[in-house]
């Protein structure tokens, strides 16, 4: 079971949101392993209990990549290696400008590794924590790209099952990368769709759909619910549901109505507020059927009544402070 209560937690097997963004690691220390497969490791970005994330270069190229590495030794388990192979299988099937490029996989005496493009930008959760007003002037562009990335995944037959701000990297130029396919599953079809089934209860509590919490096999509409939670947070700076315990939080996802988004964000456009609440419907049948539907409604309308202005640059803030002092 892989569940996270805190939206920004780093957890093994699926949390690389900040790992491909701001580096908090260290350069290769003398005496440490320097090569994994055909790659030279040069900077440790993050080390968890099982996986390590490294900046690496192919031996025959001067191109920086990101590597998610399961080292040999006591950390190594067959399940963890299989999880990494699954992430590679899903990622390799997804080719879209707003999805992280999955490049290579290998396993052997050096452990098991997965390489991907190194997209050095903060994730959306980090940017929310810096202040949602810094995102609002460009939010529509970000949401459009994010929606298209998840829609592409659905068209390829996968449901992500862990949609949240941590799993979208966003640059200042509004380039988006969807990441982290560890718990993705095939969308049920045929008899399995007709009769339903059970699935592992996995994901992040703050963004999990009711059907995911119940351990059901899910389709694209589970991601639409999670995407709605993320949009709610991006618009208001608050999650649709908070609680003092995990059981209370899950129960709210199952039974409670979120506070009206228009109460928390006075500038939200009325039709967009209704769209967000439809995405958060308890019954999947009451949600938009696809994220393309969300995309088209957003393109036809807008998020805000009054278009937000870009935040002041550091130079502008300094000039404003100097003027106020005078």
Foldseek 3Di string as FASTA:
>chain_A
DAEAADLQDDDPLFFCLCQLADAPWAFDDPPDDQDDPQKGFTTWRDDDQFWTWTFIDGVVDPATKIKIFGADDPSDDPVSLVLQVVQLVLQCLADDQQAWHWDDWDADNGGIMTITHRDHAHFQVVVLVVPLLQVQLPVLLLLLSVQVRQLSSQVSFKAQQADARSQWGADPVGRIHGDGRSQIDGQDDDPCVVVWDFADLHYYLLQFALCSNVRIRDHNLRVLSSVLQRVLCSQQVDGQDDDPDSVVSSVCLQDNQGPQSCVRHVFFDPVVSVLSSQSSDNDSVSHPPGSVVVSVVCVVDHGGNDNRDNDDDPVRVVVVVVVVVD
